[in-house]
Full PDB file with SEQRES, HELIX, SHEET, SSBOND, CRYST1, ORIGX, SCALE, CONECT and MASTER records, all heavy atoms in Angstrom:
SEQRES   1 A   36  GLY THR VAL LYS ASN LEU ASN SER ILE ASP GLU ASP ILE          
SEQRES   2 A   36  ILE LYS HIS LEU THR GLN GLY THR LEU GLU ASP VAL GLY          
SEQRES   3 A   36  SER VAL GLU LYS SER ILE LEU ARG LEU ALA                      
HELIX    1 AA1 LEU A    6  HIS A   16  1                                  11    
HELIX    2 AA2 LEU A   22  ASP A   24  5                                   3    
HELIX    3 AA3 SER A   27  LEU A   35  1                                   9    
CRYST1    1.000    1.000    1.000  90.00  90.00  90.00 P 1           1          
ORIGX1      1.000000  0.000000  0.000000        0.00000                         
ORIGX2      0.000000  1.000000  0.000000        0.00000                         
ORIGX3      0.000000  0.000000  1.000000        0.00000                         
SCALE1      1.000000  0.000000  0.000000        0.00000                         
SCALE2      0.000000  1.000000  0.000000        0.00000                         
SCALE3      0.000000  0.000000  1.000000        0.00000                         
ATOM      1  N   GLY A   1      87.509 112.384  93.847  1.00  0.00           N  
ATOM      2  CA  GLY A   1      86.436 111.967  92.947  1.00  0.00           C  
ATOM      3  C   GLY A   1      86.885 111.912  91.501  1.00  0.00           C  
ATOM      4  O   GLY A   1      86.530 110.982  90.763  1.00  0.00           O  
ATOM      5  N   THR A   2      87.683 112.897  91.095  1.00  0.00           N  
ATOM      6  CA  THR A   2      88.176 112.915  89.716  1.00  0.00           C  
ATOM      7  C   THR A   2      89.096 111.727  89.464  1.00  0.00           C  
ATOM      8  O   THR A   2      88.947 111.019  88.458  1.00  0.00           O  
ATOM      9  CB  THR A   2      88.903 114.242  89.423  1.00  0.00           C  
ATOM     10  OG1 THR A   2      88.003 115.333  89.652  1.00  0.00           O  
ATOM     11  CG2 THR A   2      89.391 114.303  87.985  1.00  0.00           C  
ATOM     12  N   VAL A   3      90.030 111.485  90.375  1.00  0.00           N  
ATOM     13  CA  VAL A   3      90.961 110.365  90.207  1.00  0.00           C  
ATOM     14  C   VAL A   3      90.203 109.036  90.201  1.00  0.00           C  
ATOM     15  O   VAL A   3      90.468 108.157  89.373  1.00  0.00           O  
ATOM     16  CB  VAL A   3      92.058 110.397  91.299  1.00  0.00           C  
ATOM     17  CG1 VAL A   3      92.871 109.118  91.304  1.00  0.00           C  
ATOM     18  CG2 VAL A   3      92.957 111.617  91.104  1.00  0.00           C  
ATOM     19  N   LYS A   4      89.248 108.901  91.089  1.00  0.00           N  
ATOM     20  CA  LYS A   4      88.462 107.664  91.192  1.00  0.00           C  
ATOM     21  C   LYS A   4      87.691 107.379  89.891  1.00  0.00           C  
ATOM     22  O   LYS A   4      87.519 106.229  89.496  1.00  0.00           O  
ATOM     23  CB  LYS A   4      87.487 107.766  92.365  1.00  0.00           C  
ATOM     24  CG  LYS A   4      86.610 106.560  92.550  1.00  0.00           C  
ATOM     25  CD  LYS A   4      85.648 106.754  93.704  1.00  0.00           C  
ATOM     26  CE  LYS A   4      84.672 105.603  93.782  1.00  0.00           C  
ATOM     27  NZ  LYS A   4      83.607 105.874  94.746  1.00  0.00           N  
ATOM     28  N   ASN A   5      87.224 108.422  89.233  1.00  0.00           N  
ATOM     29  CA  ASN A   5      86.388 108.273  88.032  1.00  0.00           C  
ATOM     30  C   ASN A   5      87.135 108.618  86.747  1.00  0.00           C  
ATOM     31  O   ASN A   5      86.512 108.905  85.721  1.00  0.00           O  
ATOM     32  CB  ASN A   5      85.147 109.160  88.175  1.00  0.00           C  
ATOM     33  CG  ASN A   5      84.258 108.696  89.294  1.00  0.00           C  
ATOM     34  OD1 ASN A   5      83.581 107.689  89.175  1.00  0.00           O  
ATOM     35  ND2 ASN A   5      84.277 109.411  90.410  1.00  0.00           N  
ATOM     36  N   LEU A   6      88.451 108.566  86.785  1.00  0.00           N  
ATOM     37  CA  LEU A   6      89.274 109.013  85.662  1.00  0.00           C  
ATOM     38  C   LEU A   6      88.954 108.301  84.347  1.00  0.00           C  
ATOM     39  O   LEU A   6      88.863 108.948  83.304  1.00  0.00           O  
ATOM     40  CB  LEU A   6      90.753 108.835  86.020  1.00  0.00           C  
ATOM     41  CG  LEU A   6      91.742 109.760  85.356  1.00  0.00           C  
ATOM     42  CD1 LEU A   6      91.358 111.209  85.495  1.00  0.00           C  
ATOM     43  CD2 LEU A   6      93.129 109.524  85.929  1.00  0.00           C  
ATOM     44  N   ASN A   7      88.763 106.998  84.386  1.00  0.00           N  
ATOM     45  CA  ASN A   7      88.486 106.268  83.139  1.00  0.00           C  
ATOM     46  C   ASN A   7      87.196 106.750  82.482  1.00  0.00           C  
ATOM     47  O   ASN A   7      87.149 106.986  81.276  1.00  0.00           O  
ATOM     48  CB  ASN A   7      88.433 104.756  83.393  1.00  0.00           C  
ATOM     49  CG  ASN A   7      89.798 104.185  83.707  1.00  0.00           C  
ATOM     50  OD1 ASN A   7      90.819 104.730  83.309  1.00  0.00           O  
ATOM     51  ND2 ASN A   7      89.819 103.088  84.442  1.00  0.00           N  
ATOM     52  N   SER A   8      86.152 106.893  83.267  1.00  0.00           N  
ATOM     53  CA  SER A   8      84.867 107.363  82.748  1.00  0.00           C  
ATOM     54  C   SER A   8      84.977 108.797  82.212  1.00  0.00           C  
ATOM     55  O   SER A   8      84.441 109.122  81.153  1.00  0.00           O  
ATOM     56  CB  SER A   8      83.823 107.292  83.860  1.00  0.00           C  
ATOM     57  OG  SER A   8      82.643 107.944  83.478  1.00  0.00           O  
ATOM     58  N   ILE A   9      85.692 109.627  82.953  1.00  0.00           N  
ATOM     59  CA  ILE A   9      85.887 111.028  82.547  1.00  0.00           C  
ATOM     60  C   ILE A   9      86.667 111.092  81.239  1.00  0.00           C  
ATOM     61  O   ILE A   9      86.290 111.831  80.315  1.00  0.00           O  
ATOM     62  CB  ILE A   9      86.598 111.819  83.674  1.00  0.00           C  
ATOM     63  CG1 ILE A   9      85.665 111.953  84.883  1.00  0.00           C  
ATOM     64  CG2 ILE A   9      87.072 113.175  83.179  1.00  0.00           C  
ATOM     65  CD1 ILE A   9      86.340 112.420  86.159  1.00  0.00           C  
ATOM     66  N   ASP A  10      87.743 110.327  81.146  1.00  0.00           N  
ATOM     67  CA  ASP A  10      88.537 110.326  79.915  1.00  0.00           C  
ATOM     68  C   ASP A  10      87.730 109.822  78.723  1.00  0.00           C  
ATOM     69  O   ASP A  10      87.881 110.332  77.608  1.00  0.00           O  
ATOM     70  CB  ASP A  10      89.813 109.506  80.100  1.00  0.00           C  
ATOM     71  CG  ASP A  10      90.864 110.243  80.933  1.00  0.00           C  
ATOM     72  OD1 ASP A  10      90.666 111.433  81.242  1.00  0.00           O  
ATOM     73  OD2 ASP A  10      91.882 109.602  81.269  1.00  0.00           O  
ATOM     74  N   GLU A  11      86.864 108.851  78.940  1.00  0.00           N  
ATOM     75  CA  GLU A  11      85.985 108.379  77.858  1.00  0.00           C  
ATOM     76  C   GLU A  11      85.105 109.525  77.359  1.00  0.00           C  
ATOM     77  O   GLU A  11      84.877 109.656  76.154  1.00  0.00           O  
ATOM     78  CB  GLU A  11      85.126 107.216  78.340  1.00  0.00           C  
ATOM     79  CG  GLU A  11      85.876 105.917  78.489  1.00  0.00           C  
ATOM     80  CD  GLU A  11      85.030 104.805  79.106  1.00  0.00           C  
ATOM     81  OE1 GLU A  11      83.783 104.904  79.105  1.00  0.00           O  
ATOM     82  OE2 GLU A  11      85.638 103.842  79.596  1.00  0.00           O  
ATOM     83  N   ASP A  12      84.598 110.344  78.283  1.00  0.00           N  
ATOM     84  CA  ASP A  12      83.777 111.493  77.885  1.00  0.00           C  
ATOM     85  C   ASP A  12      84.585 112.496  77.067  1.00  0.00           C  
ATOM     86  O   ASP A  12      84.086 113.052  76.089  1.00  0.00           O  
ATOM     87  CB  ASP A  12      83.181 112.194  79.110  1.00  0.00           C  
ATOM     88  CG  ASP A  12      81.993 111.451  79.684  1.00  0.00           C  
ATOM     89  OD1 ASP A  12      81.305 110.737  78.925  1.00  0.00           O  
ATOM     90  OD2 ASP A  12      81.742 111.586  80.892  1.00  0.00           O  
ATOM     91  N   ILE A  13      85.823 112.722  77.458  1.00  0.00           N  
ATOM     92  CA  ILE A  13      86.665 113.647  76.698  1.00  0.00           C  
ATOM     93  C   ILE A  13      86.894 113.082  75.294  1.00  0.00           C  
ATOM     94  O   ILE A  13      86.709 113.788  74.297  1.00  0.00           O  
ATOM     95  CB  ILE A  13      88.014 113.888  77.411  1.00  0.00           C  
ATOM     96  CG1 ILE A  13      87.802 114.608  78.748  1.00  0.00           C  
ATOM     97  CG2 ILE A  13      88.953 114.714  76.511  1.00  0.00           C  
ATOM     98  CD1 ILE A  13      89.048 114.700  79.622  1.00  0.00           C  
ATOM     99  N   ILE A  14      87.277 111.823  75.221  1.00  0.00           N  
ATOM    100  CA  ILE A  14      87.577 111.185  73.937  1.00  0.00           C  
ATOM    101  C   ILE A  14      86.363 111.240  72.998  1.00  0.00           C  
ATOM    102  O   ILE A  14      86.502 111.542  71.813  1.00  0.00           O  
ATOM    103  CB  ILE A  14      88.049 109.727  74.156  1.00  0.00           C  
ATOM    104  CG1 ILE A  14      89.414 109.729  74.845  1.00  0.00           C  
ATOM    105  CG2 ILE A  14      88.084 108.949  72.851  1.00  0.00           C  
ATOM    106  CD1 ILE A  14      89.815 108.397  75.442  1.00  0.00           C  
ATOM    107  N   LYS A  15      85.172 111.005  73.538  1.00  0.00           N  
ATOM    108  CA  LYS A  15      83.938 111.034  72.724  1.00  0.00           C  
ATOM    109  C   LYS A  15      83.720 112.388  72.066  1.00  0.00           C  
ATOM    110  O   LYS A  15      83.123 112.458  70.994  1.00  0.00           O  
ATOM    111  CB  LYS A  15      82.716 110.735  73.598  1.00  0.00           C  
ATOM    112  CG  LYS A  15      82.402 109.284  73.763  1.00  0.00           C  
ATOM    113  CD  LYS A  15      81.030 109.098  74.371  1.00  0.00           C  
ATOM    114  CE  LYS A  15      81.144 109.100  75.872  1.00  0.00           C  
ATOM    115  NZ  LYS A  15      79.920 108.768  76.574  1.00  0.00           N  
ATOM    116  N   HIS A  16      84.198 113.450  72.704  1.00  0.00           N  
ATOM    117  CA  HIS A  16      83.899 114.792  72.213  1.00  0.00           C  
ATOM    118  C   HIS A  16      85.074 115.481  71.522  1.00  0.00           C  
ATOM    119  O   HIS A  16      84.947 116.633  71.103  1.00  0.00           O  
ATOM    120  CB  HIS A  16      83.360 115.649  73.363  1.00  0.00           C  
ATOM    121  CG  HIS A  16      82.062 115.116  73.888  1.00  0.00           C  
ATOM    122  ND1 HIS A  16      81.978 114.255  74.949  1.00  0.00           N  
ATOM    123  CD2 HIS A  16      80.793 115.289  73.448  1.00  0.00           C  
ATOM    124  CE1 HIS A  16      80.728 113.931  75.160  1.00  0.00           C  
ATOM    125  NE2 HIS A  16      79.978 114.532  74.264  1.00  0.00           N  
ATOM    126  N   LEU A  17      86.188 114.772  71.389  1.00  0.00           N  
ATOM    127  CA  LEU A  17      87.310 115.337  70.642  1.00  0.00           C  
ATOM    128  C   LEU A  17      86.978 115.306  69.154  1.00  0.00           C  
ATOM    129  O   LEU A  17      86.534 114.293  68.633  1.00  0.00           O  
ATOM    130  CB  LEU A  17      88.591 114.531  70.884  1.00  0.00           C  
ATOM    131  CG  LEU A  17      89.265 114.684  72.239  1.00  0.00           C  
ATOM    132  CD1 LEU A  17      90.427 113.703  72.365  1.00  0.00           C  
ATOM    133  CD2 LEU A  17      89.739 116.107  72.456  1.00  0.00           C  
ATOM    134  N   THR A  18      87.192 116.411  68.474  1.00  0.00           N  
ATOM    135  CA  THR A  18      86.917 116.458  67.042  1.00  0.00           C  
ATOM    136  C   THR A  18      88.144 116.086  66.229  1.00  0.00           C  
ATOM    137  O   THR A  18      88.034 115.754  65.059  1.00  0.00           O  
ATOM    138  CB  THR A  18      86.414 117.851  66.618  1.00  0.00           C  
ATOM    139  OG1 THR A  18      87.376 118.828  67.013  1.00  0.00           O  
ATOM    140  CG2 THR A  18      85.068 118.152  67.245  1.00  0.00           C  
ATOM    141  N   GLN A  19      89.314 116.184  66.842  1.00  0.00           N  
ATOM    142  CA  GLN A  19      90.546 115.757  66.172  1.00  0.00           C  
ATOM    143  C   GLN A  19      91.580 115.360  67.217  1.00  0.00           C  
ATOM    144  O   GLN A  19      91.535 115.814  68.341  1.00  0.00           O  
ATOM    145  CB  GLN A  19      91.097 116.856  65.271  1.00  0.00           C  
ATOM    146  CG  GLN A  19      91.449 118.137  66.017  1.00  0.00           C  
ATOM    147  CD  GLN A  19      91.842 119.246  65.064  1.00  0.00           C  
ATOM    148  OE1 GLN A  19      91.429 119.257  63.910  1.00  0.00           O  
ATOM    149  NE2 GLN A  19      92.642 120.168  65.546  1.00  0.00           N  
ATOM    150  N   GLY A  20      92.472 114.491  66.813  1.00  0.00           N  
ATOM    151  CA  GLY A  20      93.520 114.051  67.718  1.00  0.00           C  
ATOM    152  C   GLY A  20      93.027 113.048  68.743  1.00  0.00           C  
ATOM    153  O   GLY A  20      91.900 112.562  68.687  1.00  0.00           O  
ATOM    154  N   THR A  21      93.924 112.732  69.670  1.00  0.00           N  
ATOM    155  CA  THR A  21      93.626 111.770  70.723  1.00  0.00           C  
ATOM    156  C   THR A  21      93.764 112.454  72.080  1.00  0.00           C  
ATOM    157  O   THR A  21      94.226 113.590  72.167  1.00  0.00           O  
ATOM    158  CB  THR A  21      94.603 110.578  70.659  1.00  0.00           C  
ATOM    159  OG1 THR A  21      95.927 111.057  70.970  1.00  0.00           O  
ATOM    160  CG2 THR A  21      94.609 109.913  69.291  1.00  0.00           C  
ATOM    161  N   LEU A  22      93.426 111.733  73.113  1.00  0.00           N  
ATOM    162  CA  LEU A  22      93.561 112.260  74.467  1.00  0.00           C  
ATOM    163  C   LEU A  22      95.018 112.629  74.764  1.00  0.00           C  
ATOM    164  O   LEU A  22      95.284 113.619  75.442  1.00  0.00           O  
ATOM    165  CB  LEU A  22      93.040 111.238  75.481  1.00  0.00           C  
ATOM    166  CG  LEU A  22      92.975 111.701  76.935  1.00  0.00           C  
ATOM    167  CD1 LEU A  22      92.005 112.867  77.093  1.00  0.00           C  
ATOM    168  CD2 LEU A  22      92.561 110.561  77.838  1.00  0.00           C  
ATOM    169  N   GLU A  23      95.950 111.858  74.223  1.00  0.00           N  
ATOM    170  CA  GLU A  23      97.372 112.129  74.435  1.00  0.00           C  
ATOM    171  C   GLU A  23      97.803 113.441  73.785  1.00  0.00           C  
ATOM    172  O   GLU A  23      98.818 114.019  74.172  1.00  0.00           O  
ATOM    173  CB  GLU A  23      98.231 110.970  73.910  1.00  0.00           C  
ATOM    174  CG  GLU A  23      98.113 109.702  74.730  1.00  0.00           C  
ATOM    175  CD  GLU A  23      96.791 108.949  74.531  1.00  0.00           C  
ATOM    176  OE1 GLU A  23      96.182 109.024  73.433  1.00  0.00           O  
ATOM    177  OE2 GLU A  23      96.351 108.306  75.494  1.00  0.00           O  
ATOM    178  N   ASP A  24      97.041 113.916  72.795  1.00  0.00           N  
ATOM    179  CA  ASP A  24      97.365 115.179  72.125  1.00  0.00           C  
ATOM    180  C   ASP A  24      96.917 116.400  72.933  1.00  0.00           C  
ATOM    181  O   ASP A  24      97.361 117.513  72.660  1.00  0.00           O  
ATOM    182  CB  ASP A  24      96.706 115.239  70.741  1.00  0.00           C  
ATOM    183  CG  ASP A  24      97.237 114.165  69.807  1.00  0.00           C  
ATOM    184  OD1 ASP A  24      98.433 113.817  69.912  1.00  0.00           O  
ATOM    185  OD2 ASP A  24      96.452 113.655  68.984  1.00  0.00           O  
ATOM    186  N   VAL A  25      96.047 116.185  73.910  1.00  0.00           N  
ATOM    187  CA  VAL A  25      95.550 117.284  74.742  1.00  0.00           C  
ATOM    188  C   VAL A  25      96.615 117.595  75.792  1.00  0.00           C  
ATOM    189  O   VAL A  25      97.143 116.694  76.443  1.00  0.00           O  
ATOM    190  CB  VAL A  25      94.213 116.898  75.425  1.00  0.00           C  
ATOM    191  CG1 VAL A  25      93.716 118.025  76.317  1.00  0.00           C  
ATOM    192  CG2 VAL A  25      93.172 116.534  74.374  1.00  0.00           C  
ATOM    193  N   GLY A  26      96.929 118.881  75.947  1.00  0.00           N  
ATOM    194  CA  GLY A  26      97.929 119.291  76.920  1.00  0.00           C  
ATOM    195  C   GLY A  26      97.523 118.891  78.337  1.00  0.00           C  
ATOM    196  O   GLY A  26      96.330 118.795  78.649  1.00  0.00           O  
ATOM    197  N   SER A  27      98.508 118.662  79.185  1.00  0.00           N  
ATOM    198  CA  SER A  27      98.226 118.199  80.549  1.00  0.00           C  
ATOM    199  C   SER A  27      97.407 119.202  81.358  1.00  0.00           C  
ATOM    200  O   SER A  27      96.550 118.810  82.146  1.00  0.00           O  
ATOM    201  CB  SER A  27      99.527 117.876  81.280  1.00  0.00           C  
ATOM    202  OG  SER A  27     100.097 116.707  80.743  1.00  0.00           O  
ATOM    203  N   VAL A  28      97.654 120.496  81.188  1.00  0.00           N  
ATOM    204  CA  VAL A  28      96.880 121.498  81.928  1.00  0.00           C  
ATOM    205  C   VAL A  28      95.438 121.487  81.441  1.00  0.00           C  
ATOM    206  O   VAL A  28      94.492 121.455  82.243  1.00  0.00           O  
ATOM    207  CB  VAL A  28      97.492 122.912  81.794  1.00  0.00           C  
ATOM    208  CG1 VAL A  28      96.592 123.960  82.429  1.00  0.00           C  
ATOM    209  CG2 VAL A  28      98.879 122.967  82.415  1.00  0.00           C  
ATOM    210  N   GLU A  29      95.267 121.498  80.128  1.00  0.00           N  
ATOM    211  CA  GLU A  29      93.929 121.482  79.557  1.00  0.00           C  
ATOM    212  C   GLU A  29      93.178 120.210  79.959  1.00  0.00           C  
ATOM    213  O   GLU A  29      92.009 120.255  80.312  1.00  0.00           O  
ATOM    214  CB  GLU A  29      94.001 121.585  78.027  1.00  0.00           C  
ATOM    215  CG  GLU A  29      94.468 122.919  77.505  1.00  0.00           C  
ATOM    216  CD  GLU A  29      95.988 123.100  77.459  1.00  0.00           C  
ATOM    217  OE1 GLU A  29      96.731 122.218  77.966  1.00  0.00           O  
ATOM    218  OE2 GLU A  29      96.431 124.126  76.926  1.00  0.00           O  
ATOM    219  N   LYS A  30      93.885 119.087  79.931  1.00  0.00           N  
ATOM    220  CA  LYS A  30      93.288 117.810  80.315  1.00  0.00           C  
ATOM    221  C   LYS A  30      92.851 117.846  81.786  1.00  0.00           C  
ATOM    222  O   LYS A  30      91.776 117.371  82.134  1.00  0.00           O  
ATOM    223  CB  LYS A  30      94.304 116.684  80.095  1.00  0.00           C  
ATOM    224  CG  LYS A  30      93.715 115.309  80.044  1.00  0.00           C  
ATOM    225  CD  LYS A  30      94.787 114.233  79.871  1.00  0.00           C  
ATOM    226  CE  LYS A  30      95.760 114.522  78.769  1.00  0.00           C  
ATOM    227  NZ  LYS A  30      96.822 113.499  78.670  1.00  0.00           N  
ATOM    228  N   SER A  31      93.685 118.433  82.635  1.00  0.00           N  
ATOM    229  CA  SER A  31      93.358 118.521  84.058  1.00  0.00           C  
ATOM    230  C   SER A  31      92.123 119.392  84.290  1.00  0.00           C  
ATOM    231  O   SER A  31      91.249 119.054  85.095  1.00  0.00           O  
ATOM    232  CB  SER A  31      94.554 119.084  84.840  1.00  0.00           C  
ATOM    233  OG  SER A  31      95.658 118.210  84.719  1.00  0.00           O  
ATOM    234  N   ILE A  32      92.029 120.499  83.567  1.00  0.00           N  
ATOM    235  CA  ILE A  32      90.863 121.379  83.682  1.00  0.00           C  
ATOM    236  C   ILE A  32      89.614 120.643  83.207  1.00  0.00           C  
ATOM    237  O   ILE A  32      88.567 120.685  83.867  1.00  0.00           O  
ATOM    238  CB  ILE A  32      91.082 122.695  82.897  1.00  0.00           C  
ATOM    239  CG1 ILE A  32      92.201 123.518  83.550  1.00  0.00           C  
ATOM    240  CG2 ILE A  32      89.779 123.509  82.821  1.00  0.00           C  
ATOM    241  CD1 ILE A  32      92.679 124.694  82.706  1.00  0.00           C  
ATOM    242  N   LEU A  33      89.713 119.981  82.073  1.00  0.00           N  
ATOM    243  CA  LEU A  33      88.572 119.219  81.545  1.00  0.00           C  
ATOM    244  C   LEU A  33      88.148 118.113  82.496  1.00  0.00           C  
ATOM    245  O   LEU A  33      86.950 117.924  82.744  1.00  0.00           O  
ATOM    246  CB  LEU A  33      88.924 118.602  80.186  1.00  0.00           C  
ATOM    247  CG  LEU A  33      88.824 119.513  78.984  1.00  0.00           C  
ATOM    248  CD1 LEU A  33      89.434 118.836  77.763  1.00  0.00           C  
ATOM    249  CD2 LEU A  33      87.378 119.895  78.719  1.00  0.00           C  
ATOM    250  N   ARG A  34      89.117 117.379  83.018  1.00  0.00           N  
ATOM    251  CA  ARG A  34      88.784 116.286  83.932  1.00  0.00           C  
ATOM    252  C   ARG A  34      88.029 116.796  85.157  1.00  0.00           C  
ATOM    253  O   ARG A  34      87.035 116.197  85.571  1.00  0.00           O  
ATOM    254  CB  ARG A  34      90.060 115.549  84.351  1.00  0.00           C  
ATOM    255  CG  ARG A  34      90.621 114.673  83.261  1.00  0.00           C  
ATOM    256  CD  ARG A  34      91.970 114.113  83.622  1.00  0.00           C  
ATOM    257  NE  ARG A  34      92.378 113.050  82.705  1.00  0.00           N  
ATOM    258  CZ  ARG A  34      93.608 112.562  82.654  1.00  0.00           C  
ATOM    259  NH1 ARG A  34      94.553 113.025  83.454  1.00  0.00           N  
ATOM    260  NH2 ARG A  34      93.899 111.604  81.805  1.00  0.00           N  
ATOM    261  N   LEU A  35      88.520 117.873  85.719  1.00  0.00           N  
ATOM    262  CA  LEU A  35      87.857 118.435  86.898  1.00  0.00           C  
ATOM    263  C   LEU A  35      86.444 118.891  86.553  1.00  0.00           C  
ATOM    264  O   LEU A  35      85.483 118.567  87.259  1.00  0.00           O  
ATOM    265  CB  LEU A  35      88.668 119.598  87.468  1.00  0.00           C  
ATOM    266  CG  LEU A  35      88.020 120.345  88.626  1.00  0.00           C  
ATOM    267  CD1 LEU A  35      87.755 119.418  89.804  1.00  0.00           C  
ATOM    268  CD2 LEU A  35      88.888 121.512  89.045  1.00  0.00           C  
ATOM    269  N   ALA A  36      86.299 119.629  85.466  1.00  0.00           N  
ATOM    270  CA  ALA A  36      84.983 120.142  85.084  1.00  0.00           C  
ATOM    271  C   ALA A  36      84.011 119.010  84.779  1.00  0.00           C  
ATOM    272  O   ALA A  36      82.845 119.053  85.197  1.00  0.00           O  
ATOM    273  CB  ALA A  36      85.117 121.081  83.881  1.00  0.00           C  
TER     274      ALA A  36                                                      
MASTER        0    0    0    3    0    0    0    6  273    1    0    3          
END                                                                             
């Protein structure tokens, strides 16, 4: 489900980042956020 909806999930992360870009988020942190 996470992989299938990755684009939508990443858009949600990007909307709520206060600084930096999605690429600046560590892979572990990004994986936890995506799952949640």
